Amino acid sequence: MRRGAALLEVLVALTILATVAASVVAFASDAARSVRHARDTESETRRASALLDAVALWPREDLDRHLGERPEGPWRLRVTRITTTLYSVVLTDSTSARELLRTVVYRPEENETPSSTR
């Protein structure tokens, strides 16, 4: 009877070991997937930031010309005039409409003189 108990203990130990090993593999796979997703998101954010940096340099005429929402590469660019001198620029993901980046830019009116030159 002792031999049968030892065999049963070995089978239980192997079952526990296999369960733990499968859990470790699943956790490692999830961790790798999370790291890959974080890298992809960071890369997308950097590219979106480069586009938003360029848009932030547009003169008033270009911002007026781009008012509204339009596709811009893999994103959607929305330019809205908040006041006569402030523009809101929003970059969203074109597939999920998730907002990636947002900024507000100031452009003086043509007849407005910057305060530093007064």
PDB file of N, CA and C in Angstrom:
ATOM      1  N   MET A   1       0.813  -1.184   0.000  1.00  0.00           N
ATOM      2  CA  MET A   1       0.000   0.000   0.000  1.00  0.00           C
ATOM      3  C   MET A   1       0.861   1.254   0.000  1.00  0.00           C
ATOM      4  N   ARG A   2       2.024   1.213   0.616  1.00  0.00           N
ATOM      5  CA  ARG A   2       2.924   2.369   0.671  1.00  0.00           C
ATOM      6  C   ARG A   2       3.406   2.755  -0.713  1.00  0.00           C
ATOM      7  N   ARG A   3       3.656   1.738  -1.578  1.00  0.00           N
ATOM      8  CA  ARG A   3       4.103   2.033  -2.947  1.00  0.00           C
ATOM      9  C   ARG A   3       3.042   2.810  -3.706  1.00  0.00           C
ATOM     10  N   GLY A   4       1.824   2.482  -3.564  1.00  0.00           N
ATOM     11  CA  GLY A   4       0.718   3.169  -4.236  1.00  0.00           C
ATOM     12  C   GLY A   4       0.581   4.597  -3.749  1.00  0.00           C
ATOM     13  N   ALA A   5       0.809   4.842  -2.481  1.00  0.00           N
ATOM     14  CA  ALA A   5       0.715   6.191  -1.920  1.00  0.00           C
ATOM     15  C   ALA A   5       1.849   7.062  -2.450  1.00  0.00           C
ATOM     16  N   ALA A   6       3.037   6.486  -2.565  1.00  0.00           N
ATOM     17  CA  ALA A   6       4.181   7.241  -3.089  1.00  0.00           C
ATOM     18  C   ALA A   6       3.933   7.621  -4.548  1.00  0.00           C
ATOM     19  N   LEU A   7       3.384   6.695  -5.324  1.00  0.00           N
ATOM     20  CA  LEU A   7       3.071   6.983  -6.722  1.00  0.00           C
ATOM     21  C   LEU A   7       2.011   8.065  -6.822  1.00  0.00           C
ATOM     22  N   LEU A   8       1.019   8.010  -5.966  1.00  0.00           N
ATOM     23  CA  LEU A   8      -0.020   9.023  -5.949  1.00  0.00           C
ATOM     24  C   LEU A   8       0.559  10.395  -5.587  1.00  0.00           C
ATOM     25  N   GLU A   9       1.464  10.433  -4.615  1.00  0.00           N
ATOM     26  CA  GLU A   9       2.118  11.697  -4.235  1.00  0.00           C
ATOM     27  C   GLU A   9       2.929  12.267  -5.392  1.00  0.00           C
ATOM     28  N   VAL A  10       3.614  11.419  -6.133  1.00  0.00           N
ATOM     29  CA  VAL A  10       4.391  11.869  -7.298  1.00  0.00           C
ATOM     30  C   VAL A  10       3.460  12.435  -8.367  1.00  0.00           C
ATOM     31  N   LEU A  11       2.349  11.791  -8.614  1.00  0.00           N
ATOM     32  CA  LEU A  11       1.389  12.278  -9.611  1.00  0.00           C
ATOM     33  C   LEU A  11       0.801  13.625  -9.198  1.00  0.00           C
ATOM     34  N   VAL A  12       0.474  13.779  -7.924  1.00  0.00           N
ATOM     35  CA  VAL A  12      -0.047  15.058  -7.435  1.00  0.00           C
ATOM     36  C   VAL A  12       1.017  16.146  -7.577  1.00  0.00           C
ATOM     37  N   ALA A  13       2.259  15.831  -7.214  1.00  0.00           N
ATOM     38  CA  ALA A  13       3.358  16.794  -7.331  1.00  0.00           C
ATOM     39  C   ALA A  13       3.576  17.198  -8.787  1.00  0.00           C
ATOM     40  N   LEU A  14       3.534  16.261  -9.703  1.00  0.00           N
ATOM     41  CA  LEU A  14       3.698  16.574 -11.132  1.00  0.00           C
ATOM     42  C   LEU A  14       2.545  17.424 -11.649  1.00  0.00           C
ATOM     43  N   THR A  15       1.343  17.154 -11.176  1.00  0.00           N
ATOM     44  CA  THR A  15       0.185  17.949 -11.589  1.00  0.00           C
ATOM     45  C   THR A  15       0.332  19.384 -11.101  1.00  0.00           C
ATOM     46  N   ILE A  16       0.741  19.552  -9.858  1.00  0.00           N
ATOM     47  CA  ILE A  16       0.954  20.900  -9.311  1.00  0.00           C
ATOM     48  C   ILE A  16       2.059  21.599 -10.079  1.00  0.00           C
ATOM     49  N   LEU A  17       3.138  20.912 -10.346  1.00  0.00           N
ATOM     50  CA  LEU A  17       4.265  21.498 -11.103  1.00  0.00           C
ATOM     51  C   LEU A  17       3.820  21.915 -12.506  1.00  0.00           C
ATOM     52  N   ALA A  18       3.032  21.087 -13.172  1.00  0.00           N
ATOM     53  CA  ALA A  18       2.555  21.428 -14.519  1.00  0.00           C
ATOM     54  C   ALA A  18       1.627  22.645 -14.485  1.00  0.00           C
ATOM     55  N   THR A  19       0.790  22.719 -13.462  1.00  0.00           N
ATOM     56  CA  THR A  19      -0.118  23.858 -13.325  1.00  0.00           C
ATOM     57  C   THR A  19       0.662  25.147 -13.097  1.00  0.00           C
ATOM     58  N   VAL A  20       1.652  25.092 -12.214  1.00  0.00           N
ATOM     59  CA  VAL A  20       2.490  26.270 -11.949  1.00  0.00           C
ATOM     60  C   VAL A  20       3.251  26.677 -13.201  1.00  0.00           C
ATOM     61  N   ALA A  21       3.802  25.711 -13.921  1.00  0.00           N
ATOM     62  CA  ALA A  21       4.553  26.011 -15.143  1.00  0.00           C
ATOM     63  C   ALA A  21       3.648  26.667 -16.189  1.00  0.00           C
ATOM     64  N   ALA A  22       2.422  26.176 -16.348  1.00  0.00           N
ATOM     65  CA  ALA A  22       1.489  26.770 -17.308  1.00  0.00           C
ATOM     66  C   ALA A  22       1.136  28.192 -16.898  1.00  0.00           C
ATOM     67  N   SER A  23       0.985  28.434 -15.607  1.00  0.00           N
ATOM     68  CA  SER A  23       0.694  29.791 -15.122  1.00  0.00           C
ATOM     69  C   SER A  23       1.857  30.735 -15.396  1.00  0.00           C
ATOM     70  N   VAL A  24       3.073  30.271 -15.168  1.00  0.00           N
ATOM     71  CA  VAL A  24       4.260  31.101 -15.418  1.00  0.00           C
ATOM     72  C   VAL A  24       4.359  31.450 -16.899  1.00  0.00           C
ATOM     73  N   VAL A  25       4.102  30.491 -17.766  1.00  0.00           N
ATOM     74  CA  VAL A  25       4.148  30.745 -19.211  1.00  0.00           C
ATOM     75  C   VAL A  25       3.069  31.756 -19.602  1.00  0.00           C
ATOM     76  N   ALA A  26       1.878  31.634 -19.031  1.00  0.00           N
ATOM     77  CA  ALA A  26       0.800  32.578 -19.340  1.00  0.00           C
ATOM     78  C   ALA A  26       1.155  33.984 -18.863  1.00  0.00           C
ATOM     79  N   PHE A  27       1.711  34.101 -17.670  1.00  0.00           N
ATOM     80  CA  PHE A  27       2.129  35.410 -17.151  1.00  0.00           C
ATOM     81  C   PHE A  27       3.223  36.018 -18.004  1.00  0.00           C
ATOM     82  N   ALA A  28       4.188  35.220 -18.417  1.00  0.00           N
ATOM     83  CA  ALA A  28       5.278  35.716 -19.260  1.00  0.00           C
ATOM     84  C   ALA A  28       4.738  36.195 -20.606  1.00  0.00           C
ATOM     85  N   SER A  29       3.789  35.459 -21.162  1.00  0.00           N
ATOM     86  CA  SER A  29       3.188  35.854 -22.436  1.00  0.00           C
ATOM     87  C   SER A  29       2.433  37.170 -22.295  1.00  0.00           C
ATOM     88  N   ASP A  30       1.677  37.307 -21.209  1.00  0.00           N
ATOM     89  CA  ASP A  30       0.948  38.562 -20.963  1.00  0.00           C
ATOM     90  C   ASP A  30       1.904  39.731 -20.772  1.00  0.00           C
ATOM     91  N   ALA A  31       2.992  39.498 -20.062  1.00  0.00           N
ATOM     92  CA  ALA A  31       3.979  40.561 -19.841  1.00  0.00           C
ATOM     93  C   ALA A  31       4.616  40.988 -21.160  1.00  0.00           C
ATOM     94  N   ALA A  32       4.961  40.027 -22.000  1.00  0.00           N
ATOM     95  CA  ALA A  32       5.552  40.354 -23.303  1.00  0.00           C
ATOM     96  C   ALA A  32       4.566  41.133 -24.167  1.00  0.00           C
ATOM     97  N   ARG A  33       3.297  40.750 -24.129  1.00  0.00           N
ATOM     98  CA  ARG A  33       2.261  41.453 -24.895  1.00  0.00           C
ATOM     99  C   ARG A  33       2.097  42.884 -24.378  1.00  0.00           C
ATOM    100  N   SER A  34       2.142  43.056 -23.075  1.00  0.00           N
ATOM    101  CA  SER A  34       2.020  44.398 -22.487  1.00  0.00           C
ATOM    102  C   SER A  34       3.190  45.289 -22.868  1.00  0.00           C
ATOM    103  N   VAL A  35       4.394  44.732 -22.851  1.00  0.00           N
ATOM    104  CA  VAL A  35       5.581  45.508 -23.245  1.00  0.00           C
ATOM    105  C   VAL A  35       5.491  45.903 -24.709  1.00  0.00           C
ATOM    106  N   ARG A  36       5.061  44.985 -25.549  1.00  0.00           N
ATOM    107  CA  ARG A  36       4.921  45.269 -26.985  1.00  0.00           C
ATOM    108  C   ARG A  36       3.880  46.369 -27.210  1.00  0.00           C
ATOM    109  N   HIS A  37       2.764  46.291 -26.479  1.00  0.00           N
ATOM    110  CA  HIS A  37       1.720  47.316 -26.602  1.00  0.00           C
ATOM    111  C   HIS A  37       2.238  48.677 -26.136  1.00  0.00           C
ATOM    112  N   ALA A  38       2.985  48.694 -25.050  1.00  0.00           N
ATOM    113  CA  ALA A  38       3.545  49.959 -24.542  1.00  0.00           C
ATOM    114  C   ALA A  38       4.519  50.563 -25.550  1.00  0.00           C
ATOM    115  N   ARG A  39       5.341  49.740 -26.163  1.00  0.00           N
ATOM    116  CA  ARG A  39       6.277  50.244 -27.183  1.00  0.00           C
ATOM    117  C   ARG A  39       5.533  50.804 -28.387  1.00  0.00           C
ATOM    118  N   ASP A  40       4.500  50.083 -28.835  1.00  0.00           N
ATOM    119  CA  ASP A  40       3.718  50.555 -29.984  1.00  0.00           C
ATOM    120  C   ASP A  40       3.017  51.880 -29.665  1.00  0.00           C
ATOM    121  N   THR A  41       2.460  51.976 -28.467  1.00  0.00           N
ATOM    122  CA  THR A  41       1.780  53.201 -28.062  1.00  0.00           C
ATOM    123  C   THR A  41       2.758  54.362 -27.966  1.00  0.00           C
ATOM    124  N   GLU A  42       3.940  54.114 -27.415  1.00  0.00           N
ATOM    125  CA  GLU A  42       4.948  55.174 -27.316  1.00  0.00           C
ATOM    126  C   GLU A  42       5.390  55.644 -28.705  1.00  0.00           C
ATOM    127  N   SER A  43       5.585  54.704 -29.607  1.00  0.00           N
ATOM    128  CA  SER A  43       5.983  55.048 -30.968  1.00  0.00           C
ATOM    129  C   SER A  43       4.901  55.879 -31.653  1.00  0.00           C
ATOM    130  N   GLU A  44       3.642  55.477 -31.498  1.00  0.00           N
ATOM    131  CA  GLU A  44       2.542  56.224 -32.102  1.00  0.00           C
ATOM    132  C   GLU A  44       2.450  57.633 -31.505  1.00  0.00           C
ATOM    133  N   THR A  45       2.636  57.735 -30.206  1.00  0.00           N
ATOM    134  CA  THR A  45       2.570  59.036 -29.545  1.00  0.00           C
ATOM    135  C   THR A  45       3.702  59.951 -30.015  1.00  0.00           C
ATOM    136  N   ARG A  46       4.874  59.393 -30.211  1.00  0.00           N
ATOM    137  CA  ARG A  46       6.000  60.204 -30.718  1.00  0.00           C
ATOM    138  C   ARG A  46       5.715  60.732 -32.133  1.00  0.00           C
ATOM    139  N   ARG A  47       5.168  59.872 -32.988  1.00  0.00           N
ATOM    140  CA  ARG A  47       4.838  60.310 -34.353  1.00  0.00           C
ATOM    141  C   ARG A  47       3.737  61.364 -34.325  1.00  0.00           C
ATOM    142  N   ALA A  48       2.728  61.150 -33.493  1.00  0.00           N
ATOM    143  CA  ALA A  48       1.635  62.118 -33.371  1.00  0.00           C
ATOM    144  C   ALA A  48       2.158  63.439 -32.819  1.00  0.00           C
ATOM    145  N   SER A  49       3.080  63.373 -31.877  1.00  0.00           N
ATOM    146  CA  SER A  49       3.657  64.585 -31.299  1.00  0.00           C
ATOM    147  C   SER A  49       4.446  65.362 -32.348  1.00  0.00           C
ATOM    148  N   ALA A  50       5.146  64.656 -33.218  1.00  0.00           N
ATOM    149  CA  ALA A  50       5.896  65.336 -34.285  1.00  0.00           C
ATOM    150  C   ALA A  50       4.936  66.083 -35.214  1.00  0.00           C
ATOM    151  N   LEU A  51       3.805  65.469 -35.544  1.00  0.00           N
ATOM    152  CA  LEU A  51       2.817  66.142 -36.390  1.00  0.00           C
ATOM    153  C   LEU A  51       2.229  67.348 -35.658  1.00  0.00           C
ATOM    154  N   LEU A  52       1.898  67.183 -34.380  1.00  0.00           N
ATOM    155  CA  LEU A  52       1.325  68.291 -33.627  1.00  0.00           C
ATOM    156  C   LEU A  52       2.334  69.434 -33.471  1.00  0.00           C
ATOM    157  N   ASP A  53       3.614  69.100 -33.327  1.00  0.00           N
ATOM    158  CA  ASP A  53       4.657  70.140 -33.276  1.00  0.00           C
ATOM    159  C   ASP A  53       4.670  70.949 -34.568  1.00  0.00           C
ATOM    160  N   ALA A  54       4.537  70.270 -35.703  1.00  0.00           N
ATOM    161  CA  ALA A  54       4.519  70.962 -36.993  1.00  0.00           C
ATOM    162  C   ALA A  54       3.269  71.842 -37.126  1.00  0.00           C
ATOM    163  N   VAL A  55       2.123  71.313 -36.714  1.00  0.00           N
ATOM    164  CA  VAL A  55       0.878  72.081 -36.802  1.00  0.00           C
ATOM    165  C   VAL A  55       0.950  73.316 -35.898  1.00  0.00           C
ATOM    166  N   ALA A  56       1.579  73.177 -34.749  1.00  0.00           N
ATOM    167  CA  ALA A  56       1.690  74.303 -33.811  1.00  0.00           C
ATOM    168  C   ALA A  56       2.515  75.449 -34.399  1.00  0.00           C
ATOM    169  N   LEU A  57       3.287  75.176 -35.430  1.00  0.00           N
ATOM    170  CA  LEU A  57       4.082  76.220 -36.091  1.00  0.00           C
ATOM    171  C   LEU A  57       3.357  76.860 -37.269  1.00  0.00           C
ATOM    172  N   TRP A  58       2.208  76.323 -37.656  1.00  0.00           N
ATOM    173  CA  TRP A  58       1.464  76.879 -38.782  1.00  0.00           C
ATOM    174  C   TRP A  58       1.076  78.325 -38.485  1.00  0.00           C
ATOM    175  N   PRO A  59       1.149  79.176 -39.512  1.00  0.00           N
ATOM    176  CA  PRO A  59       0.664  80.555 -39.334  1.00  0.00           C
ATOM    177  C   PRO A  59      -0.868  80.562 -39.271  1.00  0.00           C
ATOM    178  N   ARG A  60      -1.386  81.685 -38.899  1.00  0.00           N
ATOM    179  CA  ARG A  60      -2.833  81.868 -38.751  1.00  0.00           C
ATOM    180  C   ARG A  60      -3.603  81.465 -40.011  1.00  0.00           C
ATOM    181  N   GLU A  61      -3.082  81.819 -41.174  1.00  0.00           N
ATOM    182  CA  GLU A  61      -3.758  81.513 -42.438  1.00  0.00           C
ATOM    183  C   GLU A  61      -3.904  80.002 -42.636  1.00  0.00           C
ATOM    184  N   ASP A  62      -2.857  79.242 -42.304  1.00  0.00           N
ATOM    185  CA  ASP A  62      -2.933  77.785 -42.451  1.00  0.00           C
ATOM    186  C   ASP A  62      -3.928  77.184 -41.461  1.00  0.00           C
ATOM    187  N   LEU A  63      -3.939  77.694 -40.243  1.00  0.00           N
ATOM    188  CA  LEU A  63      -4.906  77.199 -39.259  1.00  0.00           C
ATOM    189  C   LEU A  63      -6.336  77.480 -39.725  1.00  0.00           C
ATOM    190  N   ASP A  64      -6.570  78.688 -40.266  1.00  0.00           N
ATOM    191  CA  ASP A  64      -7.901  79.022 -40.782  1.00  0.00           C
ATOM    192  C   ASP A  64      -8.274  78.114 -41.952  1.00  0.00           C
ATOM    193  N   ARG A  65      -7.311  77.810 -42.791  1.00  0.00           N
ATOM    194  CA  ARG A  65      -7.550  76.969 -43.960  1.00  0.00           C
ATOM    195  C   ARG A  65      -7.876  75.521 -43.538  1.00  0.00           C
ATOM    196  N   HIS A  66      -7.375  75.092 -42.378  1.00  0.00           N
ATOM    197  CA  HIS A  66      -7.576  73.714 -41.917  1.00  0.00           C
ATOM    198  C   HIS A  66      -8.662  73.586 -40.845  1.00  0.00           C
ATOM    199  N   LEU A  67      -9.493  74.618 -40.679  1.00  0.00           N
ATOM    200  CA  LEU A  67     -10.573  74.529 -39.694  1.00  0.00           C
ATOM    201  C   LEU A  67     -11.461  73.326 -40.000  1.00  0.00           C
ATOM    202  N   GLY A  68     -11.894  72.644 -38.952  1.00  0.00           N
ATOM    203  CA  GLY A  68     -12.726  71.454 -39.120  1.00  0.00           C
ATOM    204  C   GLY A  68     -11.920  70.200 -38.848  1.00  0.00           C
ATOM    205  N   GLU A  69     -12.472  69.081 -39.274  1.00  0.00           N
ATOM    206  CA  GLU A  69     -11.820  67.786 -39.033  1.00  0.00           C
ATOM    207  C   GLU A  69     -11.494  67.131 -40.362  1.00  0.00           C
ATOM    208  N   ARG A  70     -10.284  66.554 -40.448  1.00  0.00           N
ATOM    209  CA  ARG A  70      -9.858  65.905 -41.688  1.00  0.00           C
ATOM    210  C   ARG A  70      -8.858  64.809 -41.365  1.00  0.00           C
ATOM    211  N   PRO A  71      -8.748  63.823 -42.254  1.00  0.00           N
ATOM    212  CA  PRO A  71      -7.744  62.773 -42.042  1.00  0.00           C
ATOM    213  C   PRO A  71      -6.333  63.336 -42.235  1.00  0.00           C
ATOM    214  N   GLU A  72      -5.431  62.872 -41.416  1.00  0.00           N
ATOM    215  CA  GLU A  72      -4.029  63.290 -41.509  1.00  0.00           C
ATOM    216  C   GLU A  72      -3.188  62.060 -41.210  1.00  0.00           C
ATOM    217  N   GLY A  73      -2.835  61.318 -42.268  1.00  0.00           N
ATOM    218  CA  GLY A  73      -2.120  60.057 -42.076  1.00  0.00           C
ATOM    219  C   GLY A  73      -3.032  59.070 -41.358  1.00  0.00           C
ATOM    220  N   PRO A  74      -2.532  58.389 -40.328  1.00  0.00           N
ATOM    221  CA  PRO A  74      -3.360  57.417 -39.603  1.00  0.00           C
ATOM    222  C   PRO A  74      -4.254  58.063 -38.546  1.00  0.00           C
ATOM    223  N   TRP A  75      -4.305  59.392 -38.500  1.00  0.00           N
ATOM    224  CA  TRP A  75      -5.054  60.090 -37.462  1.00  0.00           C
ATOM    225  C   TRP A  75      -6.108  60.997 -38.081  1.00  0.00           C
ATOM    226  N   ARG A  76      -6.883  61.636 -37.210  1.00  0.00           N
ATOM    227  CA  ARG A  76      -7.812  62.682 -37.612  1.00  0.00           C
ATOM    228  C   ARG A  76      -7.380  63.949 -36.900  1.00  0.00           C
ATOM    229  N   LEU A  77      -7.255  65.028 -37.670  1.00  0.00           N
ATOM    230  CA  LEU A  77      -6.830  66.317 -37.142  1.00  0.00           C
ATOM    231  C   LEU A  77      -8.044  67.235 -37.098  1.00  0.00           C
ATOM    232  N   ARG A  78      -8.298  67.825 -35.914  1.00  0.00           N
ATOM    233  CA  ARG A  78      -9.426  68.750 -35.771  1.00  0.00           C
ATOM    234  C   ARG A  78      -8.879  70.095 -35.294  1.00  0.00           C
ATOM    235  N   VAL A  79      -9.110  71.120 -36.113  1.00  0.00           N
ATOM    236  CA  VAL A  79      -8.702  72.486 -35.777  1.00  0.00           C
ATOM    237  C   VAL A  79      -9.970  73.303 -35.564  1.00  0.00           C
ATOM    238  N   THR A  80     -10.046  73.930 -34.393  1.00  0.00           N
ATOM    239  CA  THR A  80     -11.212  74.731 -34.029  1.00  0.00           C
ATOM    240  C   THR A  80     -10.731  76.092 -33.554  1.00  0.00           C
ATOM    241  N   ARG A  81     -11.411  77.147 -34.012  1.00  0.00           N
ATOM    242  CA  ARG A  81     -11.080  78.488 -33.521  1.00  0.00           C
ATOM    243  C   ARG A  81     -11.905  78.729 -32.261  1.00  0.00           C
ATOM    244  N   ILE A  82     -11.211  78.927 -31.134  1.00  0.00           N
ATOM    245  CA  ILE A  82     -11.881  79.159 -29.852  1.00  0.00           C
ATOM    246  C   ILE A  82     -12.291  80.626 -29.751  1.00  0.00           C
ATOM    247  N   THR A  83     -11.344  81.505 -30.024  1.00  0.00           N
ATOM    248  CA  THR A  83     -11.598  82.947 -30.069  1.00  0.00           C
ATOM    249  C   THR A  83     -10.936  83.451 -31.345  1.00  0.00           C
ATOM    250  N   THR A  84     -10.902  84.749 -31.525  1.00  0.00           N
ATOM    251  CA  THR A  84     -10.275  85.276 -32.738  1.00  0.00           C
ATOM    252  C   THR A  84      -8.767  85.025 -32.764  1.00  0.00           C
ATOM    253  N   THR A  85      -8.171  84.751 -31.606  1.00  0.00           N
ATOM    254  CA  THR A  85      -6.716  84.560 -31.564  1.00  0.00           C
ATOM    255  C   THR A  85      -6.284  83.188 -31.047  1.00  0.00           C
ATOM    256  N   LEU A  86      -7.212  82.373 -30.572  1.00  0.00           N
ATOM    257  CA  LEU A  86      -6.868  81.051 -30.028  1.00  0.00           C
ATOM    258  C   LEU A  86      -7.461  79.938 -30.884  1.00  0.00           C
ATOM    259  N   TYR A  87      -6.648  78.922 -31.143  1.00  0.00           N
ATOM    260  CA  TYR A  87      -7.065  77.762 -31.922  1.00  0.00           C
ATOM    261  C   TYR A  87      -6.823  76.502 -31.100  1.00  0.00           C
ATOM    262  N   SER A  88      -7.782  75.604 -31.103  1.00  0.00           N
ATOM    263  CA  SER A  88      -7.630  74.298 -30.476  1.00  0.00           C
ATOM    264  C   SER A  88      -7.264  73.302 -31.564  1.00  0.00           C
ATOM    265  N   VAL A  89      -6.234  72.502 -31.301  1.00  0.00           N
ATOM    266  CA  VAL A  89      -5.801  71.481 -32.260  1.00  0.00           C
ATOM    267  C   VAL A  89      -5.833  70.141 -31.534  1.00  0.00           C
ATOM    268  N   VAL A  90      -6.604  69.200 -32.084  1.00  0.00           N
ATOM    269  CA  VAL A  90      -6.768  67.886 -31.464  1.00  0.00           C
ATOM    270  C   VAL A  90      -6.416  66.818 -32.486  1.00  0.00           C
ATOM    271  N   LEU A  91      -5.633  65.845 -32.045  1.00  0.00           N
ATOM    272  CA  LEU A  91      -5.260  64.716 -32.885  1.00  0.00           C
ATOM    273  C   LEU A  91      -5.872  63.460 -32.271  1.00  0.00           C
ATOM    274  N   THR A  92      -6.708  62.755 -33.050  1.00  0.00           N
ATOM    275  CA  THR A  92      -7.360  61.536 -32.556  1.00  0.00           C
ATOM    276  C   THR A  92      -6.975  60.352 -33.422  1.00  0.00           C
ATOM    277  N   ASP A  93      -7.127  59.177 -32.865  1.00  0.00           N
ATOM    278  CA  ASP A  93      -6.909  57.938 -33.595  1.00  0.00           C
ATOM    279  C   ASP A  93      -8.071  57.779 -34.571  1.00  0.00           C
ATOM    280  N   SER A  94      -7.784  57.525 -35.829  1.00  0.00           N
ATOM    281  CA  SER A  94      -8.857  57.480 -36.831  1.00  0.00           C
ATOM    282  C   SER A  94      -9.733  56.240 -36.693  1.00  0.00           C
ATOM    283  N   THR A  95      -9.239  55.183 -36.064  1.00  0.00           N
ATOM    284  CA  THR A  95     -10.041  53.965 -35.968  1.00  0.00           C
ATOM    285  C   THR A  95     -10.937  53.955 -34.733  1.00  0.00           C
ATOM    286  N   SER A  96     -10.427  54.453 -33.595  1.00  0.00           N
ATOM    287  CA  SER A  96     -11.217  54.383 -32.364  1.00  0.00           C
ATOM    288  C   SER A  96     -11.696  55.744 -31.882  1.00  0.00           C
ATOM    289  N   ALA A  97     -11.306  56.814 -32.545  1.00  0.00           N
ATOM    290  CA  ALA A  97     -11.645  58.192 -32.157  1.00  0.00           C
ATOM    291  C   ALA A  97     -11.097  58.534 -30.773  1.00  0.00           C
ATOM    292  N   ARG A  98     -10.083  57.799 -30.340  1.00  0.00           N
ATOM    293  CA  ARG A  98      -9.439  58.056 -29.045  1.00  0.00           C
ATOM    294  C   ARG A  98      -8.534  59.270 -29.195  1.00  0.00           C
ATOM    295  N   GLU A  99      -8.678  60.233 -28.287  1.00  0.00           N
ATOM    296  CA  GLU A  99      -7.869  61.448 -28.352  1.00  0.00           C
ATOM    297  C   GLU A  99      -6.432  61.129 -27.961  1.00  0.00           C
ATOM    298  N   LEU A 100      -5.498  61.474 -28.865  1.00  0.00           N
ATOM    299  CA  LEU A 100      -4.083  61.224 -28.600  1.00  0.00           C
ATOM    300  C   LEU A 100      -3.414  62.446 -27.980  1.00  0.00           C
ATOM    301  N   LEU A 101      -3.558  63.586 -28.641  1.00  0.00           N
ATOM    302  CA  LEU A 101      -2.915  64.810 -28.180  1.00  0.00           C
ATOM    303  C   LEU A 101      -3.818  66.004 -28.440  1.00  0.00           C
ATOM    304  N   ARG A 102      -3.642  67.023 -27.615  1.00  0.00           N
ATOM    305  CA  ARG A 102      -4.427  68.248 -27.763  1.00  0.00           C
ATOM    306  C   ARG A 102      -3.542  69.415 -27.361  1.00  0.00           C
ATOM    307  N   THR A 103      -3.706  70.540 -28.057  1.00  0.00           N
ATOM    308  CA  THR A 103      -3.013  71.759 -27.680  1.00  0.00           C
ATOM    309  C   THR A 103      -3.850  72.957 -28.090  1.00  0.00           C
ATOM    310  N   VAL A 104      -3.497  74.100 -27.556  1.00  0.00           N
ATOM    311  CA  VAL A 104      -4.120  75.370 -27.937  1.00  0.00           C
ATOM    312  C   VAL A 104      -2.994  76.286 -28.370  1.00  0.00           C
ATOM    313  N   VAL A 105      -3.167  76.924 -29.536  1.00  0.00           N
ATOM    314  CA  VAL A 105      -2.134  77.836 -30.042  1.00  0.00           C
ATOM    315  C   VAL A 105      -2.708  79.244 -30.168  1.00  0.00           C
ATOM    316  N   TYR A 106      -1.837  80.217 -29.974  1.00  0.00           N
ATOM    317  CA  TYR A 106      -2.211  81.624 -30.057  1.00  0.00           C
ATOM    318  C   TYR A 106      -1.651  82.202 -31.350  1.00  0.00           C
ATOM    319  N   ARG A 107      -2.488  82.867 -32.095  1.00  0.00           N
ATOM    320  CA  ARG A 107      -2.050  83.580 -33.295  1.00  0.00           C
ATOM    321  C   ARG A 107      -2.678  84.962 -33.256  1.00  0.00           C
ATOM    322  N   PRO A 108      -1.856  86.017 -33.159  1.00  0.00           N
ATOM    323  CA  PRO A 108      -2.417  87.370 -33.110  1.00  0.00           C
ATOM    324  C   PRO A 108      -3.084  87.721 -34.437  1.00  0.00           C
ATOM    325  N   GLU A 109      -4.026  88.640 -34.358  1.00  0.00           N
ATOM    326  CA  GLU A 109      -4.663  89.124 -35.576  1.00  0.00           C
ATOM    327  C   GLU A 109      -3.656  89.979 -36.337  1.00  0.00           C
ATOM    328  N   GLU A 110      -3.908  90.177 -37.605  1.00  0.00           N
ATOM    329  CA  GLU A 110      -2.984  90.919 -38.469  1.00  0.00           C
ATOM    330  C   GLU A 110      -2.677  92.312 -37.941  1.00  0.00           C
ATOM    331  N   ASN A 111      -3.682  93.022 -37.449  1.00  0.00           N
ATOM    332  CA  ASN A 111      -3.484  94.398 -37.000  1.00  0.00           C
ATOM    333  C   ASN A 111      -3.032  94.474 -35.544  1.00  0.00           C
ATOM    334  N   GLU A 112      -2.926  93.308 -34.859  1.00  0.00           N
ATOM    335  CA  GLU A 112      -2.507  93.276 -33.461  1.00  0.00           C
ATOM    336  C   GLU A 112      -0.993  93.287 -33.378  1.00  0.00           C
ATOM    337  N   THR A 113      -0.450  94.152 -32.515  1.00  0.00           N
ATOM    338  CA  THR A 113       0.989  94.252 -32.339  1.00  0.00           C
ATOM    339  C   THR A 113       1.395  93.481 -31.093  1.00  0.00           C
ATOM    340  N   PRO A 114       2.427  92.659 -31.186  1.00  0.00           N
ATOM    341  CA  PRO A 114       2.870  91.925 -29.982  1.00  0.00           C
ATOM    342  C   PRO A 114       3.259  92.904 -28.878  1.00  0.00           C
ATOM    343  N   SER A 115       2.961  92.554 -27.635  1.00  0.00           N
ATOM    344  CA  SER A 115       3.189  93.466 -26.497  1.00  0.00           C
ATOM    345  C   SER A 115       4.672  93.733 -26.273  1.00  0.00           C
ATOM    346  N   SER A 116       5.573  92.880 -26.721  1.00  0.00           N
ATOM    347  CA  SER A 116       6.988  93.097 -26.499  1.00  0.00           C
ATOM    348  C   SER A 116       7.555  94.222 -27.370  1.00  0.00           C
ATOM    349  N   THR A 117       6.858  94.603 -28.439  1.00  0.00           N
ATOM    350  CA  THR A 117       7.355  95.657 -29.326  1.00  0.00           C
ATOM    351  C   THR A 117       6.676  96.990 -29.072  1.00  0.00           C
ATOM    352  N   ARG A 118       5.788  97.072 -28.116  1.00  0.00           N
ATOM    353  CA  ARG A 118       5.068  98.330 -27.839  1.00  0.00           C
ATOM    354  C   ARG A 118       5.920  99.279 -27.073  1.00  0.00           C
TER     355      ARG A 118
END
